[in-house]
PDB file of N, CA and C in Angstrom:
ATOM      1  N   GLY A   1     -26.111  10.456  -8.941  1.00  0.00           N
ATOM      2  CA  GLY A   1     -25.265   9.508  -8.735  1.00  0.00           C
ATOM      3  C   GLY A   1     -25.400   8.606  -7.980  1.00  0.00           C
ATOM      4  N   ARG A   2     -24.366   7.676  -7.880  1.00  0.00           N
ATOM      5  CA  ARG A   2     -24.578   6.323  -6.917  1.00  0.00           C
ATOM      6  C   ARG A   2     -24.335   7.285  -5.154  1.00  0.00           C
ATOM      7  N   PRO A   3     -25.426   6.480  -4.482  1.00  0.00           N
ATOM      8  CA  PRO A   3     -25.143   7.283  -2.849  1.00  0.00           C
ATOM      9  C   PRO A   3     -23.801   6.579  -2.337  1.00  0.00           C
ATOM     10  N   SER A   4     -23.598   7.627  -1.447  1.00  0.00           N
ATOM     11  CA  SER A   4     -21.852   7.387  -0.731  1.00  0.00           C
ATOM     12  C   SER A   4     -21.975   6.165  -0.013  1.00  0.00           C
ATOM     13  N   LEU A   5     -21.052   5.245   0.257  1.00  0.00           N
ATOM     14  CA  LEU A   5     -20.858   4.187   1.044  1.00  0.00           C
ATOM     15  C   LEU A   5     -20.494   4.844   2.491  1.00  0.00           C
ATOM     16  N   LEU A   6     -19.971   6.051   2.465  1.00  0.00           N
ATOM     17  CA  LEU A   6     -19.754   6.795   3.764  1.00  0.00           C
ATOM     18  C   LEU A   6     -21.084   7.614   4.479  1.00  0.00           C
ATOM     19  N   ASN A   7     -21.483   7.331   5.537  1.00  0.00           N
ATOM     20  CA  ASN A   7     -22.670   8.054   6.381  1.00  0.00           C
ATOM     21  C   ASN A   7     -22.009   9.521   6.619  1.00  0.00           C
ATOM     22  N   ASP A   8     -23.076  10.444   7.264  1.00  0.00           N
ATOM     23  CA  ASP A   8     -22.526  11.559   7.928  1.00  0.00           C
ATOM     24  C   ASP A   8     -21.309  11.380   9.240  1.00  0.00           C
ATOM     25  N   THR A   9     -21.532  10.363   9.774  1.00  0.00           N
ATOM     26  CA  THR A   9     -20.514  10.316  10.812  1.00  0.00           C
ATOM     27  C   THR A   9     -19.419   9.499  10.434  1.00  0.00           C
ATOM     28  N   ASP A  10     -19.391   8.724   9.554  1.00  0.00           N
ATOM     29  CA  ASP A  10     -18.326   8.478   8.763  1.00  0.00           C
ATOM     30  C   ASP A  10     -17.162   9.415   8.017  1.00  0.00           C
ATOM     31  N   THR A  11     -18.087  10.414   7.373  1.00  0.00           N
ATOM     32  CA  THR A  11     -17.204  11.485   7.036  1.00  0.00           C
ATOM     33  C   THR A  11     -17.094  12.297   7.654  1.00  0.00           C
ATOM     34  N   HIS A  12     -17.334  12.307   9.334  1.00  0.00           N
ATOM     35  CA  HIS A  12     -16.769  13.607  10.237  1.00  0.00           C
ATOM     36  C   HIS A  12     -15.386  12.790  10.816  1.00  0.00           C
ATOM     37  N   TYR A  13     -15.529  11.182  10.849  1.00  0.00           N
ATOM     38  CA  TYR A  13     -14.446  10.649  11.303  1.00  0.00           C
ATOM     39  C   TYR A  13     -13.435  10.669  10.393  1.00  0.00           C
ATOM     40  N   LEU A  14     -13.730  10.666   8.885  1.00  0.00           N
ATOM     41  CA  LEU A  14     -12.771  10.747   7.859  1.00  0.00           C
ATOM     42  C   LEU A  14     -11.778  12.223   7.761  1.00  0.00           C
ATOM     43  N   SER A  15     -12.888  13.386   8.101  1.00  0.00           N
ATOM     44  CA  SER A  15     -12.051  14.514   8.253  1.00  0.00           C
ATOM     45  C   SER A  15     -11.108  14.724   9.494  1.00  0.00           C
ATOM     46  N   ALA A  16     -11.656  14.222  10.436  1.00  0.00           N
ATOM     47  CA  ALA A  16     -11.151  14.347  11.789  1.00  0.00           C
ATOM     48  C   ALA A  16      -9.676  13.773  11.729  1.00  0.00           C
ATOM     49  N   LEU A  17      -9.541  12.213  11.140  1.00  0.00           N
ATOM     50  CA  LEU A  17      -8.640  11.483  11.012  1.00  0.00           C
ATOM     51  C   LEU A  17      -7.487  12.316   9.903  1.00  0.00           C
ATOM     52  N   ILE A  18      -8.055  13.002   8.992  1.00  0.00           N
ATOM     53  CA  ILE A  18      -7.120  13.767   8.157  1.00  0.00           C
ATOM     54  C   ILE A  18      -6.533  15.006   8.922  1.00  0.00           C
ATOM     55  N   ASP A  19      -7.288  15.549   9.920  1.00  0.00           N
ATOM     56  CA  ASP A  19      -6.935  16.530  10.664  1.00  0.00           C
ATOM     57  C   ASP A  19      -5.438  16.032  11.491  1.00  0.00           C
ATOM     58  N   LEU A  20      -5.907  15.194  12.334  1.00  0.00           N
ATOM     59  CA  LEU A  20      -4.803  14.681  12.945  1.00  0.00           C
ATOM     60  C   LEU A  20      -3.865  14.193  12.401  1.00  0.00           C
ATOM     61  N   GLN A  21      -3.735  13.199  11.186  1.00  0.00           N
ATOM     62  CA  GLN A  21      -2.780  12.516  10.240  1.00  0.00           C
ATOM     63  C   GLN A  21      -2.919  13.490   8.480  1.00  0.00           C
ATOM     64  N   PRO A  22      -2.396  14.387   8.403  1.00  0.00           N
ATOM     65  CA  PRO A  22      -2.403  14.791   7.232  1.00  0.00           C
ATOM     66  C   PRO A  22      -1.604  14.015   6.118  1.00  0.00           C
ATOM     67  N   CYS A  23      -0.476  13.286   6.484  1.00  0.00           N
ATOM     68  CA  CYS A  23       0.129  12.649   5.670  1.00  0.00           C
ATOM     69  C   CYS A  23      -0.148  11.480   5.563  1.00  0.00           C
ATOM     70  N   ILE A  24      -1.144  10.804   5.904  1.00  0.00           N
ATOM     71  CA  ILE A  24      -1.887   9.380   5.969  1.00  0.00           C
ATOM     72  C   ILE A  24      -2.009   8.911   4.467  1.00  0.00           C
ATOM     73  N   TYR A  25      -1.517   7.586   4.561  1.00  0.00           N
ATOM     74  CA  TYR A  25      -1.881   7.295   2.969  1.00  0.00           C
ATOM     75  C   TYR A  25      -3.286   6.750   2.895  1.00  0.00           C
ATOM     76  N   LEU A  26      -3.527   6.703   1.406  1.00  0.00           N
ATOM     77  CA  LEU A  26      -5.006   6.271   1.370  1.00  0.00           C
ATOM     78  C   LEU A  26      -5.384   4.635   1.936  1.00  0.00           C
ATOM     79  N   ASP A  27      -4.656   3.782   1.649  1.00  0.00           N
ATOM     80  CA  ASP A  27      -4.422   2.424   2.197  1.00  0.00           C
ATOM     81  C   ASP A  27      -4.894   2.300   3.781  1.00  0.00           C
ATOM     82  N   GLU A  28      -4.063   3.433   4.251  1.00  0.00           N
ATOM     83  CA  GLU A  28      -4.120   3.529   5.541  1.00  0.00           C
ATOM     84  C   GLU A  28      -5.184   4.262   6.152  1.00  0.00           C
ATOM     85  N   ILE A  29      -6.107   4.852   5.313  1.00  0.00           N
ATOM     86  CA  ILE A  29      -7.387   5.869   5.592  1.00  0.00           C
ATOM     87  C   ILE A  29      -8.387   4.432   5.556  1.00  0.00           C
ATOM     88  N   GLN A  30      -8.118   3.729   4.651  1.00  0.00           N
ATOM     89  CA  GLN A  30      -8.751   2.620   4.250  1.00  0.00           C
ATOM     90  C   GLN A  30      -9.175   1.426   5.774  1.00  0.00           C
ATOM     91  N   ALA A  31      -7.710   1.132   5.984  1.00  0.00           N
ATOM     92  CA  ALA A  31      -7.799   0.488   7.248  1.00  0.00           C
ATOM     93  C   ALA A  31      -8.191   0.767   8.520  1.00  0.00           C
ATOM     94  N   GLU A  32      -7.912   2.245   8.821  1.00  0.00           N
ATOM     95  CA  GLU A  32      -8.815   2.985   9.871  1.00  0.00           C
ATOM     96  C   GLU A  32     -10.047   2.774   9.612  1.00  0.00           C
ATOM     97  N   LEU A  33     -10.917   3.123   8.431  1.00  0.00           N
ATOM     98  CA  LEU A  33     -12.235   2.943   8.301  1.00  0.00           C
ATOM     99  C   LEU A  33     -12.831   1.697   8.401  1.00  0.00           C
ATOM    100  N   GLU A  34     -11.875   0.643   8.400  1.00  0.00           N
ATOM    101  CA  GLU A  34     -12.618  -0.694   8.577  1.00  0.00           C
ATOM    102  C   GLU A  34     -12.393  -0.842  10.000  1.00  0.00           C
ATOM    103  N   ARG A  35     -11.279  -0.638  10.739  1.00  0.00           N
ATOM    104  CA  ARG A  35     -11.117  -0.842  12.229  1.00  0.00           C
ATOM    105  C   ARG A  35     -12.060  -0.136  13.008  1.00  0.00           C
ATOM    106  N   CYS A  36     -12.164   1.460  12.917  1.00  0.00           N
ATOM    107  CA  CYS A  36     -12.936   2.011  13.675  1.00  0.00           C
ATOM    108  C   CYS A  36     -14.437   2.117  13.295  1.00  0.00           C
ATOM    109  N   ARG A  37     -14.604   2.009  12.133  1.00  0.00           N
ATOM    110  CA  ARG A  37     -16.132   2.342  11.669  1.00  0.00           C
ATOM    111  C   ARG A  37     -16.636   1.229  11.243  1.00  0.00           C
ATOM    112  N   ARG A  38     -16.114   0.002  10.728  1.00  0.00           N
ATOM    113  CA  ARG A  38     -16.481  -1.151  10.186  1.00  0.00           C
ATOM    114  C   ARG A  38     -16.628  -0.910   8.853  1.00  0.00           C
ATOM    115  N   VAL A  39     -16.413  -0.123   7.927  1.00  0.00           N
ATOM    116  CA  VAL A  39     -16.728   0.423   6.733  1.00  0.00           C
ATOM    117  C   VAL A  39     -15.703   0.099   5.727  1.00  0.00           C
ATOM    118  N   HIS A  40     -16.143  -0.370   4.699  1.00  0.00           N
ATOM    119  CA  HIS A  40     -15.018  -0.833   3.584  1.00  0.00           C
ATOM    120  C   HIS A  40     -15.600  -0.072   2.293  1.00  0.00           C
ATOM    121  N   VAL A  41     -14.577   1.064   1.885  1.00  0.00           N
ATOM    122  CA  VAL A  41     -14.473   1.505   0.833  1.00  0.00           C
ATOM    123  C   VAL A  41     -13.523   1.292  -0.263  1.00  0.00           C
ATOM    124  N   SER A  42     -13.527   1.487  -1.362  1.00  0.00           N
ATOM    125  CA  SER A  42     -12.305   1.107  -2.248  1.00  0.00           C
ATOM    126  C   SER A  42     -11.571   2.461  -2.256  1.00  0.00           C
ATOM    127  N   VAL A  43     -10.614   2.569  -2.965  1.00  0.00           N
ATOM    128  CA  VAL A  43      -9.539   3.776  -2.622  1.00  0.00           C
ATOM    129  C   VAL A  43     -10.313   4.549  -3.718  1.00  0.00           C
ATOM    130  N   GLN A  44     -11.041   4.276  -4.694  1.00  0.00           N
ATOM    131  CA  GLN A  44     -11.641   5.528  -5.921  1.00  0.00           C
ATOM    132  C   GLN A  44     -12.877   6.106  -4.691  1.00  0.00           C
ATOM    133  N   ALA A  45     -13.711   5.239  -4.153  1.00  0.00           N
ATOM    134  CA  ALA A  45     -14.498   5.996  -3.462  1.00  0.00           C
ATOM    135  C   ALA A  45     -14.041   6.760  -2.003  1.00  0.00           C
ATOM    136  N   LEU A  46     -12.774   6.349  -1.741  1.00  0.00           N
ATOM    137  CA  LEU A  46     -12.333   7.065  -0.707  1.00  0.00           C
ATOM    138  C   LEU A  46     -11.769   8.594  -1.205  1.00  0.00           C
ATOM    139  N   VAL A  47     -11.039   8.736  -2.549  1.00  0.00           N
ATOM    140  CA  VAL A  47     -10.789   9.958  -3.347  1.00  0.00           C
ATOM    141  C   VAL A  47     -11.657  10.708  -3.418  1.00  0.00           C
ATOM    142  N   ARG A  48     -13.181  10.070  -4.023  1.00  0.00           N
ATOM    143  CA  ARG A  48     -14.282  11.149  -3.928  1.00  0.00           C
ATOM    144  C   ARG A  48     -14.527  11.487  -2.598  1.00  0.00           C
ATOM    145  N   ALA A  49     -14.601  10.849  -1.690  1.00  0.00           N
ATOM    146  CA  ALA A  49     -15.287  11.344  -0.532  1.00  0.00           C
ATOM    147  C   ALA A  49     -14.137  12.776   0.067  1.00  0.00           C
ATOM    148  N   LEU A  50     -12.921  12.469  -0.524  1.00  0.00           N
ATOM    149  CA  LEU A  50     -11.794  13.601   0.146  1.00  0.00           C
ATOM    150  C   LEU A  50     -12.192  14.707  -0.674  1.00  0.00           C
ATOM    151  N   ARG A  51     -12.340  14.108  -1.881  1.00  0.00           N
ATOM    152  CA  ARG A  51     -12.759  15.731  -2.794  1.00  0.00           C
ATOM    153  C   ARG A  51     -14.015  16.309  -2.366  1.00  0.00           C
ATOM    154  N   LYS A  52     -15.011  15.730  -1.574  1.00  0.00           N
ATOM    155  CA  LYS A  52     -16.219  16.135  -1.407  1.00  0.00           C
ATOM    156  C   LYS A  52     -15.985  16.835  -0.213  1.00  0.00           C
ATOM    157  N   LEU A  53     -14.978  16.515   0.442  1.00  0.00           N
ATOM    158  CA  LEU A  53     -14.783  17.360   1.754  1.00  0.00           C
ATOM    159  C   LEU A  53     -13.619  18.564   1.510  1.00  0.00           C
ATOM    160  N   ASP A  54     -13.442  18.563   0.020  1.00  0.00           N
ATOM    161  CA  ASP A  54     -12.580  20.169  -0.051  1.00  0.00           C
ATOM    162  C   ASP A  54     -11.238  19.349   0.027  1.00  0.00           C
ATOM    163  N   LEU A  55     -10.770  18.370   0.389  1.00  0.00           N
ATOM    164  CA  LEU A  55      -9.369  17.861   0.803  1.00  0.00           C
ATOM    165  C   LEU A  55      -8.405  17.540  -0.602  1.00  0.00           C
ATOM    166  N   SER A  56      -7.324  18.303  -0.608  1.00  0.00           N
ATOM    167  CA  SER A  56      -6.727  17.749  -2.111  1.00  0.00           C
ATOM    168  C   SER A  56      -5.181  17.512  -1.386  1.00  0.00           C
ATOM    169  N   GLN A  57      -4.613  16.715  -2.331  1.00  0.00           N
ATOM    170  CA  GLN A  57      -3.084  16.095  -2.074  1.00  0.00           C
ATOM    171  C   GLN A  57      -2.318  17.371  -2.423  1.00  0.00           C
ATOM    172  N   LYS A  58      -1.200  17.823  -1.504  1.00  0.00           N
ATOM    173  CA  LYS A  58      -0.328  18.968  -1.255  1.00  0.00           C
ATOM    174  C   LYS A  58       0.815  18.281  -0.924  1.00  0.00           C
ATOM    175  N   THR A  59       1.823  19.045  -1.409  1.00  0.00           N
ATOM    176  CA  THR A  59       3.351  18.679  -0.864  1.00  0.00           C
ATOM    177  C   THR A  59       3.668  19.265   0.276  1.00  0.00           C
ATOM    178  N   VAL A  60       4.139  18.592   1.337  1.00  0.00           N
ATOM    179  CA  VAL A  60       4.695  19.104   2.727  1.00  0.00           C
ATOM    180  C   VAL A  60       5.546  19.763   2.655  1.00  0.00           C
ATOM    181  N   SER A  61       5.586  20.709   3.212  1.00  0.00           N
ATOM    182  CA  SER A  61       6.936  21.655   3.479  1.00  0.00           C
ATOM    183  C   SER A  61       7.442  21.320   4.869  1.00  0.00           C
ATOM    184  N   VAL A  62       8.829  21.090   4.939  1.00  0.00           N
ATOM    185  CA  VAL A  62       9.763  20.657   6.041  1.00  0.00           C
ATOM    186  C   VAL A  62      10.389  21.606   6.917  1.00  0.00           C
ATOM    187  N   ARG A  63      10.194  22.071   7.992  1.00  0.00           N
ATOM    188  CA  ARG A  63      11.197  22.961   8.554  1.00  0.00           C
ATOM    189  C   ARG A  63      12.087  22.269   9.144  1.00  0.00           C
ATOM    190  N   ALA A  64      13.382  22.384   9.460  1.00  0.00           N
ATOM    191  CA  ALA A  64      14.317  22.083  10.328  1.00  0.00           C
ATOM    192  C   ALA A  64      13.864  22.368  11.984  1.00  0.00           C
ATOM    193  N   LEU A  65      13.886  21.028  12.652  1.00  0.00           N
ATOM    194  CA  LEU A  65      13.437  21.264  13.989  1.00  0.00           C
ATOM    195  C   LEU A  65      14.374  22.058  14.954  1.00  0.00           C
ATOM    196  N   GLU A  66      15.623  21.797  14.295  1.00  0.00           N
ATOM    197  CA  GLU A  66      16.542  22.646  15.194  1.00  0.00           C
ATOM    198  C   GLU A  66      16.666  24.439  14.881  1.00  0.00           C
ATOM    199  N   ARG A  67      15.782  24.713  14.113  1.00  0.00           N
ATOM    200  CA  ARG A  67      15.742  25.946  13.421  1.00  0.00           C
ATOM    201  C   ARG A  67      15.368  26.876  14.343  1.00  0.00           C
ATOM    202  N   ASN A  68      16.014  27.929  14.594  1.00  0.00           N
ATOM    203  CA  ASN A  68      15.733  29.244  15.693  1.00  0.00           C
ATOM    204  C   ASN A  68      15.794  30.181  15.038  1.00  0.00           C
ATOM    205  N   ASP A  69      14.646  31.099  14.376  1.00  0.00           N
ATOM    206  CA  ASP A  69      14.838  32.342  13.744  1.00  0.00           C
ATOM    207  C   ASP A  69      15.831  33.561  14.448  1.00  0.00           C
ATOM    208  N   LEU A  70      15.468  33.282  15.809  1.00  0.00           N
ATOM    209  CA  LEU A  70      16.338  34.627  16.314  1.00  0.00           C
ATOM    210  C   LEU A  70      18.044  34.189  16.520  1.00  0.00           C
ATOM    211  N   GLU A  71      18.124  32.896  16.238  1.00  0.00           N
ATOM    212  CA  GLU A  71      19.777  32.968  16.677  1.00  0.00           C
ATOM    213  C   GLU A  71      20.437  32.902  15.256  1.00  0.00           C
ATOM    214  N   ARG A  72      19.138  32.342  14.073  1.00  0.00           N
ATOM    215  CA  ARG A  72      19.682  32.565  12.684  1.00  0.00           C
ATOM    216  C   ARG A  72      19.876  34.164  12.239  1.00  0.00           C
ATOM    217  N   ALA A  73      19.223  34.954  13.022  1.00  0.00           N
ATOM    218  CA  ALA A  73      19.324  36.327  12.205  1.00  0.00           C
ATOM    219  C   ALA A  73      20.356  36.869  13.188  1.00  0.00           C
ATOM    220  N   HIS A  74      20.643  36.588  14.396  1.00  0.00           N
ATOM    221  CA  HIS A  74      21.910  37.327  14.983  1.00  0.00           C
ATOM    222  C   HIS A  74      22.996  36.815  14.319  1.00  0.00           C
ATOM    223  N   PHE A  75      23.172  35.242  14.081  1.00  0.00           N
ATOM    224  CA  PHE A  75      24.246  34.754  12.968  1.00  0.00           C
ATOM    225  C   PHE A  75      24.521  35.629  11.807  1.00  0.00           C
ATOM    226  N   MET A  76      23.241  35.691  11.092  1.00  0.00           N
ATOM    227  CA  MET A  76      23.313  36.526   9.783  1.00  0.00           C
ATOM    228  C   MET A  76      24.054  37.937  10.036  1.00  0.00           C
ATOM    229  N   LEU A  77      23.650  38.485  11.140  1.00  0.00           N
ATOM    230  CA  LEU A  77      24.240  39.986  11.287  1.00  0.00           C
ATOM    231  C   LEU A  77      25.714  39.818  11.694  1.00  0.00           C
ATOM    232  N   GLN A  78      26.326  38.732  12.269  1.00  0.00           N
ATOM    233  CA  GLN A  78      27.641  38.617  12.639  1.00  0.00           C
ATOM    234  C   GLN A  78      28.326  38.276  11.470  1.00  0.00           C
ATOM    235  N   ILE A  79      27.681  37.457  10.337  1.00  0.00           N
ATOM    236  CA  ILE A  79      28.461  36.967   9.090  1.00  0.00           C
ATOM    237  C   ILE A  79      28.625  38.671   8.139  1.00  0.00           C
ATOM    238  N   ALA A  80      27.330  39.411   8.340  1.00  0.00           N
ATOM    239  CA  ALA A  80      27.400  40.612   7.858  1.00  0.00           C
ATOM    240  C   ALA A  80      28.735  41.504   8.357  1.00  0.00           C
ATOM    241  N   LYS A  81      28.807  41.644   9.369  1.00  0.00           N
ATOM    242  CA  LYS A  81      30.020  42.289   9.686  1.00  0.00           C
ATOM    243  C   LYS A  81      31.083  41.689   9.380  1.00  0.00           C
ATOM    244  N   LEU A  82      31.361  40.645   9.335  1.00  0.00           N
ATOM    245  CA  LEU A  82      33.051  39.979   8.960  1.00  0.00           C
ATOM    246  C   LEU A  82      33.007  39.961   7.343  1.00  0.00           C
ATOM    247  N   VAL A  83      32.236  39.786   6.536  1.00  0.00           N
ATOM    248  CA  VAL A  83      32.152  39.695   5.074  1.00  0.00           C
ATOM    249  C   VAL A  83      31.383  40.745   4.401  1.00  0.00           C
ATOM    250  N   PRO A  84      32.172  41.410   3.519  1.00  0.00           N
ATOM    251  CA  PRO A  84      31.921  42.402   3.168  1.00  0.00           C
ATOM    252  C   PRO A  84      31.057  42.225   2.134  1.00  0.00           C
ATOM    253  N   ARG A  85      31.380  41.185   1.197  1.00  0.00           N
ATOM    254  CA  ARG A  85      30.413  40.785  -0.186  1.00  0.00           C
ATOM    255  C   ARG A  85      29.975  39.154   0.110  1.00  0.00           C
ATOM    256  N   PRO A  86      28.949  38.984   0.036  1.00  0.00           N
ATOM    257  CA  PRO A  86      28.399  37.761   0.248  1.00  0.00           C
ATOM    258  C   PRO A  86      28.935  36.651  -0.805  1.00  0.00           C
ATOM    259  N   ASP A  87      29.239  37.137  -1.893  1.00  0.00           N
ATOM    260  CA  ASP A  87      29.907  36.070  -2.828  1.00  0.00           C
ATOM    261  C   ASP A  87      31.138  35.585  -2.762  1.00  0.00           C
ATOM    262  N   MET A  88      31.895  36.121  -1.367  1.00  0.00           N
ATOM    263  CA  MET A  88      32.973  35.383  -0.779  1.00  0.00           C
ATOM    264  C   MET A  88      32.895  34.484  -0.120  1.00  0.00           C
ATOM    265  N   LEU A  89      31.677  33.911   0.427  1.00  0.00           N
ATOM    266  CA  LEU A  89      31.353  32.907   0.986  1.00  0.00           C
ATOM    267  C   LEU A  89      31.202  31.689   0.630  1.00  0.00           C
ATOM    268  N   MET A  90      31.876  30.349   0.890  1.00  0.00           N
ATOM    269  CA  MET A  90      31.777  28.984   0.561  1.00  0.00           C
ATOM    270  C   MET A  90      31.104  28.527   1.525  1.00  0.00           C
ATOM    271  N   PHE A  91      29.919  27.460   1.082  1.00  0.00           N
ATOM    272  CA  PHE A  91      29.178  26.823   1.977  1.00  0.00           C
ATOM    273  C   PHE A  91      29.356  25.214   1.662  1.00  0.00           C
ATOM    274  N   ILE A  92      29.587  24.571   2.766  1.00  0.00           N
ATOM    275  CA  ILE A  92      29.675  23.016   2.468  1.00  0.00           C
ATOM    276  C   ILE A  92      28.690  22.247   3.332  1.00  0.00           C
ATOM    277  N   ASP A  93      28.026  21.354   2.857  1.00  0.00           N
ATOM    278  CA  ASP A  93      26.789  20.862   3.277  1.00  0.00           C
ATOM    279  C   ASP A  93      27.402  19.553   3.995  1.00  0.00           C
ATOM    280  N   GLU A  94      26.958  19.604   5.075  1.00  0.00           N
ATOM    281  CA  GLU A  94      27.049  18.129   6.360  1.00  0.00           C
ATOM    282  C   GLU A  94      25.902  17.461   5.765  1.00  0.00           C
ATOM    283  N   ALA A  95      26.374  16.072   5.197  1.00  0.00           N
ATOM    284  CA  ALA A  95      25.140  15.239   5.080  1.00  0.00           C
ATOM    285  C   ALA A  95      25.095  14.322   6.105  1.00  0.00           C
ATOM    286  N   ALA A  96      23.576  14.628   6.701  1.00  0.00           N
ATOM    287  CA  ALA A  96      23.187  14.013   7.790  1.00  0.00           C
ATOM    288  C   ALA A  96      21.852  13.507   8.195  1.00  0.00           C
ATOM    289  N   ARG A  97      21.069  12.756   8.839  1.00  0.00           N
ATOM    290  CA  ARG A  97      19.862  12.381   8.790  1.00  0.00           C
ATOM    291  C   ARG A  97      19.356  13.036  10.033  1.00  0.00           C
ATOM    292  N   ASN A  98      18.206  13.669  10.078  1.00  0.00           N
ATOM    293  CA  ASN A  98      17.380  14.196  11.287  1.00  0.00           C
ATOM    294  C   ASN A  98      16.239  13.404  11.343  1.00  0.00           C
ATOM    295  N   ALA A  99      15.370  14.294  12.285  1.00  0.00           N
ATOM    296  CA  ALA A  99      14.189  13.769  12.491  1.00  0.00           C
ATOM    297  C   ALA A  99      13.214  13.915  11.464  1.00  0.00           C
ATOM    298  N   LYS A 100      13.550  14.864  10.752  1.00  0.00           N
ATOM    299  CA  LYS A 100      12.655  15.320   9.307  1.00  0.00           C
ATOM    300  C   LYS A 100      12.906  14.500   8.182  1.00  0.00           C
ATOM    301  N   THR A 101      14.023  13.948   7.833  1.00  0.00           N
ATOM    302  CA  THR A 101      14.373  13.235   6.787  1.00  0.00           C
ATOM    303  C   THR A 101      13.287  12.161   6.071  1.00  0.00           C
ATOM    304  N   SER A 102      12.559  11.342   7.405  1.00  0.00           N
ATOM    305  CA  SER A 102      11.991  10.289   6.977  1.00  0.00           C
ATOM    306  C   SER A 102      10.561  10.530   7.019  1.00  0.00           C
ATOM    307  N   LEU A 103       9.988  11.790   6.873  1.00  0.00           N
ATOM    308  CA  LEU A 103       8.584  12.256   6.832  1.00  0.00           C
ATOM    309  C   LEU A 103       8.134  11.899   5.309  1.00  0.00           C
ATOM    310  N   ARG A 104       7.029  12.097   5.543  1.00  0.00           N
ATOM    311  CA  ARG A 104       6.245  11.381   3.984  1.00  0.00           C
ATOM    312  C   ARG A 104       6.226  13.144   3.047  1.00  0.00           C
ATOM    313  N   LYS A 105       6.333  12.678   1.803  1.00  0.00           N
ATOM    314  CA  LYS A 105       6.414  14.199   0.998  1.00  0.00           C
ATOM    315  C   LYS A 105       5.090  14.767   0.920  1.00  0.00           C
ATOM    316  N   TYR A 106       4.092  13.873   0.671  1.00  0.00           N
ATOM    317  CA  TYR A 106       2.575  14.742   0.856  1.00  0.00           C
ATOM    318  C   TYR A 106       1.614  14.491   1.518  1.00  0.00           C
ATOM    319  N   GLY A 107       0.764  15.411   1.618  1.00  0.00           N
ATOM    320  CA  GLY A 107      -0.404  15.219   2.584  1.00  0.00           C
ATOM    321  C   GLY A 107      -1.664  15.949   2.088  1.00  0.00           C
ATOM    322  N   ARG A 108      -2.554  16.034   2.989  1.00  0.00           N
ATOM    323  CA  ARG A 108      -3.787  16.504   2.625  1.00  0.00           C
ATOM    324  C   ARG A 108      -4.471  17.846   3.008  1.00  0.00           C
ATOM    325  N   ALA A 109      -4.755  18.806   2.633  1.00  0.00           N
ATOM    326  CA  ALA A 109      -5.136  20.114   3.568  1.00  0.00           C
ATOM    327  C   ALA A 109      -6.460  20.504   2.335  1.00  0.00           C
ATOM    328  N   LYS A 110      -6.760  21.717   2.997  1.00  0.00           N
ATOM    329  CA  LYS A 110      -7.800  22.137   2.398  1.00  0.00           C
ATOM    330  C   LYS A 110      -7.196  23.766   1.681  1.00  0.00           C
TER     331      LYS A 110
END
């Protein structure tokens, strides 16, 4: 097939960029390659290069910054002491914005 527009150094840069910013968009990768490596590649060529690096798009899972597993376990034990049956509980969600709500939904990983 057609030779890649990215040399080994460009490919290493691309891999390092994804390691540092797994949620970066393709157009942002393009801009970074142009800015730092002076290389212009199409989005399709970029997708092929990412595939060649065995990187695929994944859904990002988020965990609340405030979450503390030890405190959570302690809370669950306290609730278990107070409530004999879990179906007796009613939960109300507080709609709020936190640092995680503005994160991107997809990222790249092996």
